[in-house]
């Protein structure tokens, strides 16, 4: 039940195409489908505009290339429900970032020594569902153009920053150095489970 709604990518997308087509084959073996479709650059610009003024987000080049070729990649079961893998559309990314990643100004982090700090997650931009209420996010506080990827959970915001001073609240390492590493791992896990 694979559906393609856009043209093939270009500019280094061969590796991405192999990954995505491997995912489609693995999904078919499990009686699942995969849906994707190219996203125009204007939609990515709309996402950036929707996140201002909290964060300036242009999107890392690897993610922009992926979105231009495949866009909102998701694996679906027979009734059409998302299972295991869901890369957000730009509108979904904006909504999930605002609703599930952003914390209010009164949210506190309590250090191991009991000291409290107001925190911010304005530097995190959601791009995919991580399951269990989590969001895969780009950390825009890192130098670009590629951005590290972390899994954000609202109940344990390990990648939040202190509002005063901007230091990270934890020393937790990012999950992936960039979007391509995350995509390879996510598809690899899905294919291995087939």
Protein backbone atom coordinates (compact mmCIF):
# COMPACT_ATOMS: atom_id res chain seq x y z
CA UNK A 1 0.00 0.00 0.00
CA UNK A 2 2.84 2.38 -0.79
CA UNK A 3 1.73 5.69 -2.16
CA UNK A 4 4.02 8.23 -3.73
CA UNK A 5 2.70 11.74 -4.07
CA UNK A 6 5.78 13.60 -5.24
CA UNK A 7 8.75 13.39 -7.54
CA UNK A 8 11.93 11.57 -6.65
CA UNK A 9 14.47 13.58 -4.75
CA UNK A 10 17.68 14.85 -6.18
CA UNK A 11 21.05 15.94 -4.92
CA UNK A 12 22.25 12.97 -2.90
CA UNK A 13 18.84 11.43 -2.35
CA UNK A 14 19.96 8.03 -3.71
CA UNK A 15 20.88 6.87 -0.22
CA UNK A 16 17.64 8.26 1.13
CA UNK A 17 15.69 6.52 -1.63
CA UNK A 18 17.29 3.19 -0.75
CA UNK A 19 16.38 3.68 2.90
CA UNK A 20 12.80 4.65 2.18
CA UNK A 21 12.24 1.89 -0.37
CA UNK A 22 13.71 -0.60 2.12
CA UNK A 23 11.18 0.67 4.65
CA UNK A 24 8.35 0.26 2.14
CA UNK A 25 9.39 -3.34 1.42
CA UNK A 26 9.64 -4.15 5.14
CA UNK A 27 6.23 -2.57 5.76
CA UNK A 28 4.67 -4.66 2.97
CA UNK A 29 6.12 -7.83 4.53
CA UNK A 30 4.24 -6.91 7.72
CA UNK A 31 1.00 -6.07 5.84
CA UNK A 32 1.57 -2.38 6.50
CA UNK A 33 1.81 0.51 4.08
CA UNK A 34 3.98 3.58 3.76
CA UNK A 35 2.81 6.99 2.61
CA UNK A 36 4.98 9.91 1.66
CA UNK A 37 4.98 12.95 -0.57
CA UNK A 38 7.33 15.78 -1.41
CA UNK A 39 6.94 18.98 0.56
CA UNK A 40 7.51 22.30 -1.24
CA UNK A 41 10.14 24.65 0.17
CA UNK A 42 7.38 27.21 0.83
CA UNK A 43 5.85 24.85 3.42
CA UNK A 44 9.19 24.64 5.22
CA UNK A 45 9.37 28.43 5.21
CA UNK A 46 5.87 28.52 6.74
CA UNK A 47 7.09 26.24 9.55
CA UNK A 48 9.98 28.61 10.22
CA UNK A 49 7.59 31.57 10.31
CA UNK A 50 5.21 29.73 12.67
CA UNK A 51 8.01 29.17 15.19
CA UNK A 52 9.13 32.80 15.35
CA UNK A 53 9.92 34.73 17.49
CA UNK A 54 10.80 31.94 19.95
CA UNK A 55 13.29 30.30 17.60
CA UNK A 56 14.94 31.01 14.27
CA UNK A 57 14.68 27.75 12.34
CA UNK A 58 15.79 27.20 8.77
CA UNK A 59 15.96 23.42 9.08
CA UNK A 60 19.12 21.39 8.59
CA UNK A 61 20.07 20.67 4.95
CA UNK A 62 19.66 16.88 5.33
CA UNK A 63 16.10 17.30 6.64
CA UNK A 64 15.23 19.85 3.95
CA UNK A 65 16.49 17.43 1.25
CA UNK A 66 14.46 14.61 2.80
CA UNK A 67 11.32 16.75 2.97
CA UNK A 68 11.77 17.82 -0.67
CA UNK A 69 11.98 14.17 -1.73
CA UNK A 70 9.70 12.33 0.72
CA UNK A 71 8.02 14.77 3.07
CA UNK A 72 5.72 13.31 5.65
CA UNK A 73 6.85 9.69 5.69
CA UNK A 74 4.67 7.42 7.79
CA UNK A 75 3.94 3.73 8.17
CA UNK A 76 0.25 2.83 8.31
CA UNK A 77 -1.76 -0.22 9.28
CA UNK A 78 -4.76 -1.47 7.24
CA UNK A 79 -7.25 0.98 8.81
CA UNK A 80 -4.84 3.84 8.04
CA UNK A 81 -3.52 4.45 11.56
CA UNK A 82 0.13 5.44 11.99
CA UNK A 83 2.34 2.70 13.45
CA UNK A 84 5.97 2.97 14.52
CA UNK A 85 7.22 5.73 12.18
CA UNK A 86 5.80 9.18 11.55
CA UNK A 87 7.76 12.15 10.21
CA UNK A 88 5.60 15.21 10.62
CA UNK A 89 4.36 17.52 7.90
CA UNK A 90 5.56 21.11 8.46
CA UNK A 91 2.16 22.05 9.95
CA UNK A 92 2.25 19.04 12.27
CA UNK A 93 5.82 19.94 13.26
CA UNK A 94 4.70 23.46 14.22
CA UNK A 95 1.68 22.16 16.15
CA UNK A 96 3.62 19.46 18.04
CA UNK A 97 6.41 21.90 18.82
CA UNK A 98 3.98 24.43 20.27
CA UNK A 99 1.69 21.94 22.04
CA UNK A 100 4.02 19.20 23.26
CA UNK A 101 7.56 20.59 23.32
CA UNK A 102 7.22 24.19 24.52
CA UNK A 103 7.02 24.69 28.26
CA UNK A 104 5.48 27.65 30.01
CA UNK A 105 7.56 30.23 31.87
CA UNK A 106 6.64 28.74 35.25
CA UNK A 107 7.95 25.23 34.58
CA UNK A 108 10.81 24.33 36.91
CA UNK A 109 13.66 21.84 36.81
CA UNK A 110 14.90 20.57 40.17
CA UNK A 111 18.59 19.67 40.26
CA UNK A 112 19.92 16.75 42.27
CA UNK A 113 20.89 19.21 45.02
CA UNK A 114 17.28 20.46 45.23
CA UNK A 115 17.84 23.83 43.56
CA UNK A 116 15.06 24.94 41.22
CA UNK A 117 15.48 26.57 37.82
CA UNK A 118 12.91 27.97 35.41
CA UNK A 119 13.45 26.23 32.07
CA UNK A 120 12.82 26.77 28.39
CA UNK A 121 12.50 24.41 25.44
CA UNK A 122 12.20 27.16 22.84
CA UNK A 123 15.34 25.82 21.14
CA UNK A 124 13.73 22.42 20.35
CA UNK A 125 11.78 21.85 17.13
CA UNK A 126 9.74 18.63 16.78
CA UNK A 127 9.97 16.76 13.47
CA UNK A 128 8.75 13.21 14.23
CA UNK A 129 6.76 11.18 16.73
CA UNK A 130 8.90 9.25 19.22
CA UNK A 131 6.06 7.21 20.72
CA UNK A 132 5.00 7.26 24.34
CA UNK A 133 4.23 10.98 24.15
CA UNK A 134 7.76 11.83 23.05
CA UNK A 135 8.89 13.97 20.15
CA UNK A 136 12.05 13.70 18.06
CA UNK A 137 13.44 17.22 17.98
CA UNK A 138 16.19 19.28 16.44
CA UNK A 139 18.25 21.20 19.00
CA UNK A 140 18.63 24.62 17.42
CA UNK A 141 20.98 25.81 20.17
CA UNK A 142 23.77 23.75 18.57
CA UNK A 143 25.86 25.25 15.78
CA UNK A 144 24.54 24.36 12.32
CA UNK A 145 23.93 23.85 9.57
CA UNK A 146 23.17 20.24 10.61
CA UNK A 147 21.54 19.98 14.03
CA UNK A 148 21.70 17.23 16.63
CA UNK A 149 18.56 15.21 17.34
CA UNK A 150 17.15 14.45 20.77
CA UNK A 151 14.06 12.76 22.13
CA UNK A 152 12.00 15.20 24.17
CA UNK A 153 9.53 14.00 26.79
CA UNK A 154 7.46 16.64 28.56
CA UNK A 155 7.58 14.72 31.86
CA UNK A 156 11.40 14.62 31.80
CA UNK A 157 12.72 17.49 29.65
CA UNK A 158 16.40 16.48 29.71
CA UNK A 159 17.26 18.80 26.82
CA UNK A 160 15.67 21.89 28.33
CA UNK A 161 17.81 24.92 29.10
CA UNK A 162 17.75 27.14 32.16
CA UNK A 163 16.01 30.43 31.44
CA UNK A 164 18.68 32.23 33.44
CA UNK A 165 22.02 31.67 31.72
CA UNK A 166 20.85 29.19 29.09
CA UNK A 167 22.84 26.17 30.36
CA UNK A 168 21.40 22.70 29.72
CA UNK A 169 19.65 21.15 32.71
CA UNK A 170 21.31 17.77 32.13
CA UNK A 171 24.49 16.44 30.59
CA UNK A 172 22.49 13.90 28.57
CA UNK A 173 24.07 13.37 25.14
CA UNK A 174 21.98 13.98 22.04
CA UNK A 175 20.52 10.78 20.62
CA UNK A 176 21.86 11.38 17.09
CA UNK A 177 24.34 13.82 15.59
CA UNK A 178 21.97 14.78 12.76
CA UNK A 179 18.77 13.97 10.91
CA UNK A 180 20.37 11.43 8.53
CA UNK A 181 21.74 9.39 11.45
CA UNK A 182 18.30 9.45 13.09
CA UNK A 183 16.57 8.40 9.85
CA UNK A 184 19.01 5.54 9.25
CA UNK A 185 18.50 4.29 12.80
CA UNK A 186 14.69 4.63 12.72
CA UNK A 187 14.36 2.81 9.40
CA UNK A 188 17.00 0.27 10.43
CA UNK A 189 15.04 -0.62 13.57
CA UNK A 190 11.83 -0.95 11.60
CA UNK A 191 13.42 -3.13 8.90
CA UNK A 192 15.15 -5.34 11.50
CA UNK A 193 11.80 -5.98 13.21
CA UNK A 194 10.17 -7.15 9.94
